[in-house]
Amino acid sequence: MMKLVRKDERYELYDMSFEGFTVSKTVLHPKQETRGHSHVHPEFYVFLDDGVLELSGQDNMVKQGDIIVIEPNQFHRVRNPSTHDMVFVCLWKGKRQ
């Protein structure tokens, strides 16, 4: 079962860990963006809504159903330019720090 791990004016973040992996669901509110970060591990993003994914300083439009691999140490940030919540799911090996 997913647990709420963070909630603020930008987003709601839910995590579930199993067998050494973490699945995370983010509900990104309208006109908001994530802080942006990079990891030492690869990460997989599944977009349930349209939005913008910044990868290494370059903006990329993403569509509902897109699956994107984030390479290790690649800076990434998600932006929601719409007027409704944007949902995406992440999967990585390990636990949230």
Protein backbone atom coordinates (compact mmCIF):
# COMPACT_ATOMS: atom_id res chain seq x y z
CA MET A 1 0.00 0.00 0.00
CA MET A 2 1.31 3.45 -0.88
CA LYS A 3 1.98 5.89 1.96
CA LEU A 4 1.91 9.67 1.77
CA VAL A 5 5.50 10.80 2.40
CA ARG A 6 5.33 14.48 1.47
CA LYS A 7 2.63 17.05 0.81
CA ASP A 8 2.97 20.77 0.14
CA GLU A 9 1.59 23.45 -2.17
CA ARG A 10 3.46 21.92 -5.13
CA TYR A 11 2.64 18.22 -4.92
CA GLU A 12 1.64 15.10 -3.03
CA LEU A 13 4.17 12.25 -2.97
CA TYR A 14 3.31 8.62 -2.20
CA ASP A 15 5.81 5.73 -1.88
CA MET A 16 5.72 1.97 -1.63
CA SER A 17 8.83 -0.22 -1.29
CA PHE A 18 9.04 -3.92 -2.12
CA GLU A 19 11.89 -6.38 -2.69
CA GLY A 20 14.52 -3.61 -2.83
CA PHE A 21 12.58 -1.34 -5.22
CA THR A 22 10.56 1.82 -4.62
CA VAL A 23 7.48 2.85 -6.58
CA SER A 24 6.55 6.50 -6.13
CA LYS A 25 3.45 8.35 -7.32
CA THR A 26 3.52 12.14 -7.61
CA VAL A 27 0.43 14.32 -7.96
CA LEU A 28 1.87 17.59 -9.27
CA HIS A 29 -0.52 20.49 -8.86
CA PRO A 30 -1.35 22.97 -11.66
CA LYS A 31 1.41 25.39 -12.73
CA GLN A 32 3.91 23.72 -10.34
CA GLU A 33 7.21 21.88 -10.76
CA THR A 34 9.36 19.46 -8.80
CA ARG A 35 12.61 20.72 -7.26
CA GLY A 36 14.77 18.80 -9.69
CA HIS A 37 17.54 16.42 -8.75
CA SER A 38 19.73 13.55 -9.90
CA HIS A 39 20.45 10.08 -8.52
CA VAL A 40 23.28 7.57 -8.69
CA HIS A 41 20.77 4.95 -9.89
CA PRO A 42 18.62 4.79 -13.03
CA GLU A 43 14.97 5.69 -12.63
CA PHE A 44 11.91 4.98 -14.76
CA TYR A 45 9.10 7.55 -15.13
CA VAL A 46 5.61 6.65 -16.36
CA PHE A 47 3.44 9.66 -17.21
CA LEU A 48 -0.30 9.39 -16.65
CA ASP A 49 -0.83 12.97 -17.89
CA ASP A 50 0.83 15.38 -20.34
CA GLY A 51 3.52 17.74 -19.08
CA VAL A 52 7.17 18.76 -19.38
CA LEU A 53 10.22 16.75 -18.32
CA GLU A 54 13.48 18.67 -18.05
CA LEU A 55 16.48 16.41 -18.67
CA SER A 56 19.97 17.86 -18.25
CA GLY A 57 18.66 21.38 -18.86
CA GLN A 58 16.54 20.55 -21.93
CA ASP A 59 12.72 20.66 -21.80
CA ASN A 60 10.90 17.68 -23.34
CA MET A 61 7.15 17.46 -23.80
CA VAL A 62 5.75 14.22 -22.38
CA LYS A 63 2.37 12.69 -23.12
CA GLN A 64 0.07 10.41 -21.21
CA GLY A 65 1.50 6.88 -21.47
CA ASP A 66 5.12 7.91 -22.07
CA ILE A 67 7.77 5.86 -20.26
CA ILE A 68 11.12 7.63 -19.86
CA VAL A 69 14.40 6.21 -18.52
CA ILE A 70 16.40 8.67 -16.42
CA GLU A 71 20.09 7.79 -16.62
CA PRO A 72 22.25 7.73 -13.47
CA ASN A 73 23.40 11.23 -12.44
CA GLN A 74 21.11 12.91 -15.02
CA PHE A 75 19.44 16.04 -13.64
CA HIS A 76 15.66 15.92 -14.07
CA ARG A 77 12.63 18.01 -13.12
CA VAL A 78 8.92 17.74 -13.99
CA ARG A 79 6.71 20.74 -14.78
CA ASN A 80 2.92 20.86 -14.94
CA PRO A 81 1.90 23.70 -17.27
CA SER A 82 -1.80 22.73 -17.16
CA THR A 83 -4.71 23.86 -15.01
CA HIS A 84 -5.31 20.38 -13.54
CA ASP A 85 -3.25 17.93 -11.48
CA MET A 86 -0.59 15.94 -13.32
CA VAL A 87 0.20 12.40 -12.16
CA PHE A 88 3.37 10.41 -12.83
CA VAL A 89 4.89 7.25 -11.37
CA CYS A 90 8.59 6.54 -10.75
CA LEU A 91 10.38 3.23 -10.16
CA TRP A 92 13.93 2.77 -8.91
CA LYS A 93 16.07 0.24 -7.09
CA GLY A 94 16.57 1.30 -3.47
CA LYS A 95 14.71 3.39 -0.94
CA ARG A 96 14.04 7.11 -0.69
CA GLN A 97 16.92 8.89 1.10
